[in-house]
Amino acid sequence: MRLLINGGDWNTVSYISDLRRNKYTEMFFNGYKPHPDGDGSMIWDFELAIKEANIDKKRKVCSLRKKKKKSTPKKKTRTK
């Protein structure tokens, strides 16, 4: 985090002590698991994140997950 201190006055950043972590941040990071290669890297797993967050799978969690494509109507073309 970068702080911009106005003229050396630390009171300009006093709000920092009141900041709180977003409740969804921990849910996101709990979705990481070790890479199957065992090389020490981590990969994110949507299903693990849902499980760790104790979210009921019947709820719609993410509208982007299985978004259906809308069919676009064909444009009418002019005929001569």
PDB file of N, CA and C in Angstrom:
ATOM      1  N   MET A   1       0.849  -1.157   0.000  1.00  0.00           N
ATOM      2  CA  MET A   1       0.000   0.000   0.000  1.00  0.00           C
ATOM      3  C   MET A   1       0.902   1.230   0.000  1.00  0.00           C
ATOM      4  N   ARG A   2       0.583   2.142  -0.848  1.00  0.00           N
ATOM      5  CA  ARG A   2       1.355   3.386  -0.911  1.00  0.00           C
ATOM      6  C   ARG A   2       0.533   4.484  -0.253  1.00  0.00           C
ATOM      7  N   LEU A   3       1.165   5.239   0.623  1.00  0.00           N
ATOM      8  CA  LEU A   3       0.496   6.331   1.312  1.00  0.00           C
ATOM      9  C   LEU A   3       1.053   7.656   0.837  1.00  0.00           C
ATOM     10  N   LEU A   4       0.177   8.577   0.563  1.00  0.00           N
ATOM     11  CA  LEU A   4       0.604   9.924   0.189  1.00  0.00           C
ATOM     12  C   LEU A   4       0.392  10.826   1.401  1.00  0.00           C
ATOM     13  N   ILE A   5       1.478  11.301   1.945  1.00  0.00           N
ATOM     14  CA  ILE A   5       1.424  12.132   3.140  1.00  0.00           C
ATOM     15  C   ILE A   5       1.526  13.581   2.693  1.00  0.00           C
ATOM     16  N   ASN A   6       0.550  14.357   3.047  1.00  0.00           N
ATOM     17  CA  ASN A   6       0.467  15.738   2.607  1.00  0.00           C
ATOM     18  C   ASN A   6       1.347  16.633   3.476  1.00  0.00           C
ATOM     19  N   GLY A   7       2.446  17.066   2.927  1.00  0.00           N
ATOM     20  CA  GLY A   7       3.326  18.008   3.621  1.00  0.00           C
ATOM     21  C   GLY A   7       3.895  17.478   4.930  1.00  0.00           C
ATOM     22  N   GLY A   8       4.100  16.187   5.041  1.00  0.00           N
ATOM     23  CA  GLY A   8       4.660  15.614   6.260  1.00  0.00           C
ATOM     24  C   GLY A   8       3.651  15.498   7.398  1.00  0.00           C
ATOM     25  N   ASP A   9       2.382  15.806   7.132  1.00  0.00           N
ATOM     26  CA  ASP A   9       1.335  15.743   8.156  1.00  0.00           C
ATOM     27  C   ASP A   9       0.723  14.345   8.167  1.00  0.00           C
ATOM     28  N   TRP A  10       1.057  13.573   9.171  1.00  0.00           N
ATOM     29  CA  TRP A  10       0.571  12.195   9.259  1.00  0.00           C
ATOM     30  C   TRP A  10      -0.920  12.114   9.552  1.00  0.00           C
ATOM     31  N   ASN A  11      -1.538  13.193   9.950  1.00  0.00           N
ATOM     32  CA  ASN A  11      -2.985  13.193  10.189  1.00  0.00           C
ATOM     33  C   ASN A  11      -3.764  13.000   8.891  1.00  0.00           C
ATOM     34  N   THR A  12      -3.132  13.257   7.759  1.00  0.00           N
ATOM     35  CA  THR A  12      -3.820  13.079   6.479  1.00  0.00           C
ATOM     36  C   THR A  12      -4.045  11.612   6.153  1.00  0.00           C
ATOM     37  N   VAL A  13      -3.362  10.706   6.856  1.00  0.00           N
ATOM     38  CA  VAL A  13      -3.548   9.273   6.623  1.00  0.00           C
ATOM     39  C   VAL A  13      -4.109   8.570   7.857  1.00  0.00           C
ATOM     40  N   SER A  14      -4.756   9.310   8.719  1.00  0.00           N
ATOM     41  CA  SER A  14      -5.294   8.716   9.949  1.00  0.00           C
ATOM     42  C   SER A  14      -6.416   7.719   9.668  1.00  0.00           C
ATOM     43  N   TYR A  15      -7.037   7.833   8.507  1.00  0.00           N
ATOM     44  CA  TYR A  15      -8.124   6.913   8.155  1.00  0.00           C
ATOM     45  C   TYR A  15      -7.630   5.470   7.981  1.00  0.00           C
ATOM     46  N   ILE A  16      -6.328   5.265   7.803  1.00  0.00           N
ATOM     47  CA  ILE A  16      -5.763   3.936   7.561  1.00  0.00           C
ATOM     48  C   ILE A  16      -6.096   2.979   8.702  1.00  0.00           C
ATOM     49  N   SER A  17      -6.066   3.467   9.915  1.00  0.00           N
ATOM     50  CA  SER A  17      -6.329   2.584  11.059  1.00  0.00           C
ATOM     51  C   SER A  17      -7.793   2.134  11.107  1.00  0.00           C
ATOM     52  N   ASP A  18      -8.678   2.821  10.402  1.00  0.00           N
ATOM     53  CA  ASP A  18     -10.095   2.448  10.386  1.00  0.00           C
ATOM     54  C   ASP A  18     -10.449   1.500   9.239  1.00  0.00           C
ATOM     55  N   LEU A  19      -9.516   1.227   8.344  1.00  0.00           N
ATOM     56  CA  LEU A  19      -9.800   0.352   7.207  1.00  0.00           C
ATOM     57  C   LEU A  19      -9.977  -1.085   7.672  1.00  0.00           C
ATOM     58  N   ARG A  20     -10.897  -1.798   7.032  1.00  0.00           N
ATOM     59  CA  ARG A  20     -11.149  -3.205   7.334  1.00  0.00           C
ATOM     60  C   ARG A  20     -11.098  -4.000   6.040  1.00  0.00           C
ATOM     61  N   ARG A  21     -10.717  -5.243   6.158  1.00  0.00           N
ATOM     62  CA  ARG A  21     -10.625  -6.121   5.002  1.00  0.00           C
ATOM     63  C   ARG A  21     -12.039  -6.444   4.494  1.00  0.00           C
ATOM     64  N   ASN A  22     -12.182  -6.506   3.197  1.00  0.00           N
ATOM     65  CA  ASN A  22     -13.436  -6.895   2.580  1.00  0.00           C
ATOM     66  C   ASN A  22     -13.746  -8.338   2.970  1.00  0.00           C
ATOM     67  N   LYS A  23     -15.005  -8.629   3.293  1.00  0.00           N
ATOM     68  CA  LYS A  23     -15.363  -9.965   3.772  1.00  0.00           C
ATOM     69  C   LYS A  23     -15.182 -11.037   2.699  1.00  0.00           C
ATOM     70  N   TYR A  24     -15.172 -10.668   1.454  1.00  0.00           N
ATOM     71  CA  TYR A  24     -15.030 -11.646   0.379  1.00  0.00           C
ATOM     72  C   TYR A  24     -13.569 -11.975   0.058  1.00  0.00           C
ATOM     73  N   THR A  25     -12.646 -11.181   0.564  1.00  0.00           N
ATOM     74  CA  THR A  25     -11.227 -11.411   0.284  1.00  0.00           C
ATOM     75  C   THR A  25     -10.767 -12.762   0.810  1.00  0.00           C
ATOM     76  N   GLU A  26     -11.135 -13.092   2.030  1.00  0.00           N
ATOM     77  CA  GLU A  26     -10.728 -14.372   2.613  1.00  0.00           C
ATOM     78  C   GLU A  26     -11.369 -15.539   1.861  1.00  0.00           C
ATOM     79  N   MET A  27     -12.625 -15.364   1.448  1.00  0.00           N
ATOM     80  CA  MET A  27     -13.290 -16.411   0.673  1.00  0.00           C
ATOM     81  C   MET A  27     -12.539 -16.675  -0.635  1.00  0.00           C
ATOM     82  N   PHE A  28     -12.081 -15.611  -1.270  1.00  0.00           N
ATOM     83  CA  PHE A  28     -11.342 -15.755  -2.517  1.00  0.00           C
ATOM     84  C   PHE A  28     -10.034 -16.503  -2.298  1.00  0.00           C
ATOM     85  N   PHE A  29      -9.253 -16.089  -1.323  1.00  0.00           N
ATOM     86  CA  PHE A  29      -7.946 -16.711  -1.103  1.00  0.00           C
ATOM     87  C   PHE A  29      -8.046 -18.134  -0.571  1.00  0.00           C
ATOM     88  N   ASN A  30      -9.164 -18.495   0.050  1.00  0.00           N
ATOM     89  CA  ASN A  30      -9.361 -19.875   0.480  1.00  0.00           C
ATOM     90  C   ASN A  30      -9.607 -20.807  -0.701  1.00  0.00           C
ATOM     91  N   GLY A  31      -9.806 -20.261  -1.877  1.00  0.00           N
ATOM     92  CA  GLY A  31     -10.018 -21.062  -3.073  1.00  0.00           C
ATOM     93  C   GLY A  31      -8.733 -21.532  -3.731  1.00  0.00           C
ATOM     94  N   TYR A  32      -7.583 -21.143  -3.201  1.00  0.00           N
ATOM     95  CA  TYR A  32      -6.310 -21.586  -3.778  1.00  0.00           C
ATOM     96  C   TYR A  32      -5.912 -22.940  -3.214  1.00  0.00           C
ATOM     97  N   LYS A  33      -5.339 -23.764  -4.065  1.00  0.00           N
ATOM     98  CA  LYS A  33      -4.844 -25.077  -3.633  1.00  0.00           C
ATOM     99  C   LYS A  33      -3.486 -25.312  -4.288  1.00  0.00           C
ATOM    100  N   PRO A  34      -2.674 -26.214  -3.730  1.00  0.00           N
ATOM    101  CA  PRO A  34      -1.355 -26.495  -4.320  1.00  0.00           C
ATOM    102  C   PRO A  34      -1.491 -27.044  -5.746  1.00  0.00           C
ATOM    103  N   HIS A  35      -0.568 -26.640  -6.593  1.00  0.00           N
ATOM    104  CA  HIS A  35      -0.544 -27.133  -7.976  1.00  0.00           C
ATOM    105  C   HIS A  35      -0.246 -28.627  -7.971  1.00  0.00           C
ATOM    106  N   PRO A  36      -0.906 -29.407  -8.840  1.00  0.00           N
ATOM    107  CA  PRO A  36      -0.692 -30.859  -8.869  1.00  0.00           C
ATOM    108  C   PRO A  36       0.756 -31.273  -9.144  1.00  0.00           C
ATOM    109  N   ASP A  37       1.542 -30.415  -9.793  1.00  0.00           N
ATOM    110  CA  ASP A  37       2.942 -30.748 -10.065  1.00  0.00           C
ATOM    111  C   ASP A  37       3.795 -30.751  -8.805  1.00  0.00           C
ATOM    112  N   GLY A  38       3.292 -30.132  -7.750  1.00  0.00           N
ATOM    113  CA  GLY A  38       4.048 -30.081  -6.500  1.00  0.00           C
ATOM    114  C   GLY A  38       5.232 -29.140  -6.556  1.00  0.00           C
ATOM    115  N   ASP A  39       5.165 -28.150  -7.451  1.00  0.00           N
ATOM    116  CA  ASP A  39       6.293 -27.227  -7.605  1.00  0.00           C
ATOM    117  C   ASP A  39       6.226 -26.041  -6.642  1.00  0.00           C
ATOM    118  N   GLY A  40       5.249 -26.047  -5.742  1.00  0.00           N
ATOM    119  CA  GLY A  40       5.130 -24.969  -4.760  1.00  0.00           C
ATOM    120  C   GLY A  40       4.194 -23.860  -5.185  1.00  0.00           C
ATOM    121  N   SER A  41       3.759 -23.868  -6.445  1.00  0.00           N
ATOM    122  CA  SER A  41       2.840 -22.833  -6.883  1.00  0.00           C
ATOM    123  C   SER A  41       1.414 -23.218  -6.507  1.00  0.00           C
ATOM    124  N   MET A  42       0.518 -22.261  -6.599  1.00  0.00           N
ATOM    125  CA  MET A  42      -0.871 -22.477  -6.226  1.00  0.00           C
ATOM    126  C   MET A  42      -1.763 -22.184  -7.426  1.00  0.00           C
ATOM    127  N   ILE A  43      -2.910 -22.861  -7.464  1.00  0.00           N
ATOM    128  CA  ILE A  43      -3.906 -22.584  -8.501  1.00  0.00           C
ATOM    129  C   ILE A  43      -5.235 -22.321  -7.807  1.00  0.00           C
ATOM    130  N   TRP A  44      -6.064 -21.499  -8.452  1.00  0.00           N
ATOM    131  CA  TRP A  44      -7.356 -21.156  -7.860  1.00  0.00           C
ATOM    132  C   TRP A  44      -8.410 -22.120  -8.364  1.00  0.00           C
ATOM    133  N   ASP A  45      -9.249 -22.599  -7.450  1.00  0.00           N
ATOM    134  CA  ASP A  45     -10.284 -23.565  -7.774  1.00  0.00           C
ATOM    135  C   ASP A  45     -11.634 -23.008  -7.320  1.00  0.00           C
ATOM    136  N   PHE A  46     -12.521 -22.756  -8.287  1.00  0.00           N
ATOM    137  CA  PHE A  46     -13.829 -22.187  -7.991  1.00  0.00           C
ATOM    138  C   PHE A  46     -14.611 -23.073  -7.024  1.00  0.00           C
ATOM    139  N   GLU A  47     -14.626 -24.371  -7.286  1.00  0.00           N
ATOM    140  CA  GLU A  47     -15.387 -25.296  -6.442  1.00  0.00           C
ATOM    141  C   GLU A  47     -14.870 -25.299  -4.999  1.00  0.00           C
ATOM    142  N   LEU A  48     -13.552 -25.236  -4.828  1.00  0.00           N
ATOM    143  CA  LEU A  48     -12.967 -25.186  -3.486  1.00  0.00           C
ATOM    144  C   LEU A  48     -13.360 -23.888  -2.784  1.00  0.00           C
ATOM    145  N   ALA A  49     -13.358 -22.790  -3.510  1.00  0.00           N
ATOM    146  CA  ALA A  49     -13.739 -21.511  -2.918  1.00  0.00           C
ATOM    147  C   ALA A  49     -15.184 -21.548  -2.441  1.00  0.00           C
ATOM    148  N   ILE A  50     -16.070 -22.149  -3.229  1.00  0.00           N
ATOM    149  CA  ILE A  50     -17.473 -22.272  -2.840  1.00  0.00           C
ATOM    150  C   ILE A  50     -17.600 -23.137  -1.584  1.00  0.00           C
ATOM    151  N   LYS A  51     -16.859 -24.240  -1.563  1.00  0.00           N
ATOM    152  CA  LYS A  51     -16.903 -25.145  -0.410  1.00  0.00           C
ATOM    153  C   LYS A  51     -16.399 -24.459   0.854  1.00  0.00           C
ATOM    154  N   GLU A  52     -15.284 -23.751   0.740  1.00  0.00           N
ATOM    155  CA  GLU A  52     -14.691 -23.077   1.892  1.00  0.00           C
ATOM    156  C   GLU A  52     -15.568 -21.928   2.397  1.00  0.00           C
ATOM    157  N   ALA A  53     -16.340 -21.329   1.497  1.00  0.00           N
ATOM    158  CA  ALA A  53     -17.209 -20.215   1.878  1.00  0.00           C
ATOM    159  C   ALA A  53     -18.537 -20.706   2.450  1.00  0.00           C
ATOM    160  N   ASN A  54     -18.762 -22.028   2.418  1.00  0.00           N
ATOM    161  CA  ASN A  54     -20.017 -22.620   2.894  1.00  0.00           C
ATOM    162  C   ASN A  54     -21.230 -22.044   2.182  1.00  0.00           C
ATOM    163  N   ILE A  55     -21.106 -21.889   0.879  1.00  0.00           N
ATOM    164  CA  ILE A  55     -22.209 -21.378   0.073  1.00  0.00           C
ATOM    165  C   ILE A  55     -22.978 -22.559  -0.491  1.00  0.00           C
ATOM    166  N   ASP A  56     -24.289 -22.510  -0.361  1.00  0.00           N
ATOM    167  CA  ASP A  56     -25.149 -23.564  -0.873  1.00  0.00           C
ATOM    168  C   ASP A  56     -25.072 -23.571  -2.395  1.00  0.00           C
ATOM    169  N   LYS A  57     -24.816 -24.718  -2.974  1.00  0.00           N
ATOM    170  CA  LYS A  57     -24.656 -24.807  -4.426  1.00  0.00           C
ATOM    171  C   LYS A  57     -25.950 -24.527  -5.180  1.00  0.00           C
ATOM    172  N   LYS A  58     -27.072 -24.524  -4.479  1.00  0.00           N
ATOM    173  CA  LYS A  58     -28.331 -24.230  -5.137  1.00  0.00           C
ATOM    174  C   LYS A  58     -28.465 -22.744  -5.438  1.00  0.00           C
ATOM    175  N   ARG A  59     -27.720 -21.922  -4.715  1.00  0.00           N
ATOM    176  CA  ARG A  59     -27.756 -20.483  -4.962  1.00  0.00           C
ATOM    177  C   ARG A  59     -26.984 -20.152  -6.212  1.00  0.00           C
ATOM    178  N   LYS A  60     -27.394 -19.113  -6.878  1.00  0.00           N
ATOM    179  CA  LYS A  60     -26.656 -18.640  -8.042  1.00  0.00           C
ATOM    180  C   LYS A  60     -25.481 -17.829  -7.518  1.00  0.00           C
ATOM    181  N   VAL A  61     -24.281 -18.341  -7.688  1.00  0.00           N
ATOM    182  CA  VAL A  61     -23.105 -17.719  -7.100  1.00  0.00           C
ATOM    183  C   VAL A  61     -22.481 -16.702  -8.039  1.00  0.00           C
ATOM    184  N   CYS A  62     -22.330 -17.082  -9.264  1.00  0.00           N
ATOM    185  CA  CYS A  62     -21.629 -16.218 -10.200  1.00  0.00           C
ATOM    186  C   CYS A  62     -22.348 -16.254 -11.537  1.00  0.00           C
ATOM    187  N   SER A  63     -22.835 -15.115 -11.975  1.00  0.00           N
ATOM    188  CA  SER A  63     -23.579 -15.087 -13.226  1.00  0.00           C
ATOM    189  C   SER A  63     -22.666 -15.311 -14.427  1.00  0.00           C
ATOM    190  N   LEU A  64     -21.359 -15.157 -14.250  1.00  0.00           N
ATOM    191  CA  LEU A  64     -20.430 -15.339 -15.359  1.00  0.00           C
ATOM    192  C   LEU A  64     -20.046 -16.800 -15.558  1.00  0.00           C
ATOM    193  N   ARG A  65     -20.348 -17.646 -14.591  1.00  0.00           N
ATOM    194  CA  ARG A  65     -19.899 -19.031 -14.639  1.00  0.00           C
ATOM    195  C   ARG A  65     -20.457 -19.788 -15.838  1.00  0.00           C
ATOM    196  N   LYS A  66     -21.745 -19.812 -16.000  1.00  0.00           N
ATOM    197  CA  LYS A  66     -22.360 -20.516 -17.112  1.00  0.00           C
ATOM    198  C   LYS A  66     -23.338 -19.584 -17.811  1.00  0.00           C
ATOM    199  N   LYS A  67     -22.800 -18.527 -18.344  1.00  0.00           N
ATOM    200  CA  LYS A  67     -23.625 -17.528 -18.986  1.00  0.00           C
ATOM    201  C   LYS A  67     -24.019 -18.011 -20.378  1.00  0.00           C
ATOM    202  N   LYS A  68     -25.306 -17.993 -20.650  1.00  0.00           N
ATOM    203  CA  LYS A  68     -25.782 -18.417 -21.950  1.00  0.00           C
ATOM    204  C   LYS A  68     -25.662 -17.258 -22.930  1.00  0.00           C
ATOM    205  N   LYS A  69     -25.267 -17.584 -24.140  1.00  0.00           N
ATOM    206  CA  LYS A  69     -25.173 -16.562 -25.165  1.00  0.00           C
ATOM    207  C   LYS A  69     -26.563 -16.273 -25.703  1.00  0.00           C
ATOM    208  N   LYS A  70     -26.846 -15.007 -25.835  1.00  0.00           N
ATOM    209  CA  LYS A  70     -28.121 -14.613 -26.409  1.00  0.00           C
ATOM    210  C   LYS A  70     -27.985 -14.616 -27.920  1.00  0.00           C
ATOM    211  N   SER A  71     -28.982 -15.139 -28.567  1.00  0.00           N
ATOM    212  CA  SER A  71     -28.932 -15.131 -30.023  1.00  0.00           C
ATOM    213  C   SER A  71     -29.318 -13.739 -30.504  1.00  0.00           C
ATOM    214  N   THR A  72     -28.558 -13.237 -31.438  1.00  0.00           N
ATOM    215  CA  THR A  72     -28.843 -11.920 -31.983  1.00  0.00           C
ATOM    216  C   THR A  72     -29.683 -12.081 -33.238  1.00  0.00           C
ATOM    217  N   PRO A  73     -30.707 -11.245 -33.385  1.00  0.00           N
ATOM    218  CA  PRO A  73     -31.541 -11.371 -34.579  1.00  0.00           C
ATOM    219  C   PRO A  73     -30.740 -11.007 -35.825  1.00  0.00           C
ATOM    220  N   LYS A  74     -31.049 -11.690 -36.895  1.00  0.00           N
ATOM    221  CA  LYS A  74     -30.346 -11.418 -38.145  1.00  0.00           C
ATOM    222  C   LYS A  74     -30.764 -10.060 -38.674  1.00  0.00           C
ATOM    223  N   LYS A  75     -29.774  -9.336 -39.197  1.00  0.00           N
ATOM    224  CA  LYS A  75     -30.055  -8.018 -39.759  1.00  0.00           C
ATOM    225  C   LYS A  75     -30.681  -8.217 -41.138  1.00  0.00           C
ATOM    226  N   LYS A  76     -31.658  -7.384 -41.404  1.00  0.00           N
ATOM    227  CA  LYS A  76     -32.288  -7.425 -42.705  1.00  0.00           C
ATOM    228  C   LYS A  76     -31.375  -6.760 -43.714  1.00  0.00           C
ATOM    229  N   THR A  77     -31.217  -7.374 -44.839  1.00  0.00           N
ATOM    230  CA  THR A  77     -30.378  -6.787 -45.884  1.00  0.00           C
ATOM    231  C   THR A  77     -31.270  -6.322 -47.018  1.00  0.00           C
ATOM    232  N   ARG A  78     -30.800  -5.286 -47.651  1.00  0.00           N
ATOM    233  CA  ARG A  78     -31.555  -4.745 -48.786  1.00  0.00           C
ATOM    234  C   ARG A  78     -31.328  -5.610 -50.013  1.00  0.00           C
ATOM    235  N   THR A  79     -32.345  -5.764 -50.764  1.00  0.00           N
ATOM    236  CA  THR A  79     -32.214  -6.461 -52.050  1.00  0.00           C
ATOM    237  C   THR A  79     -32.530  -5.484 -53.153  1.00  0.00           C
ATOM    238  N   LYS A  80     -31.778  -5.583 -54.229  1.00  0.00           N
ATOM    239  CA  LYS A  80     -31.995  -4.650 -55.351  1.00  0.00           C
ATOM    240  C   LYS A  80     -32.866  -5.269 -56.398  1.00  0.00           C
TER     241      LYS A  80
END
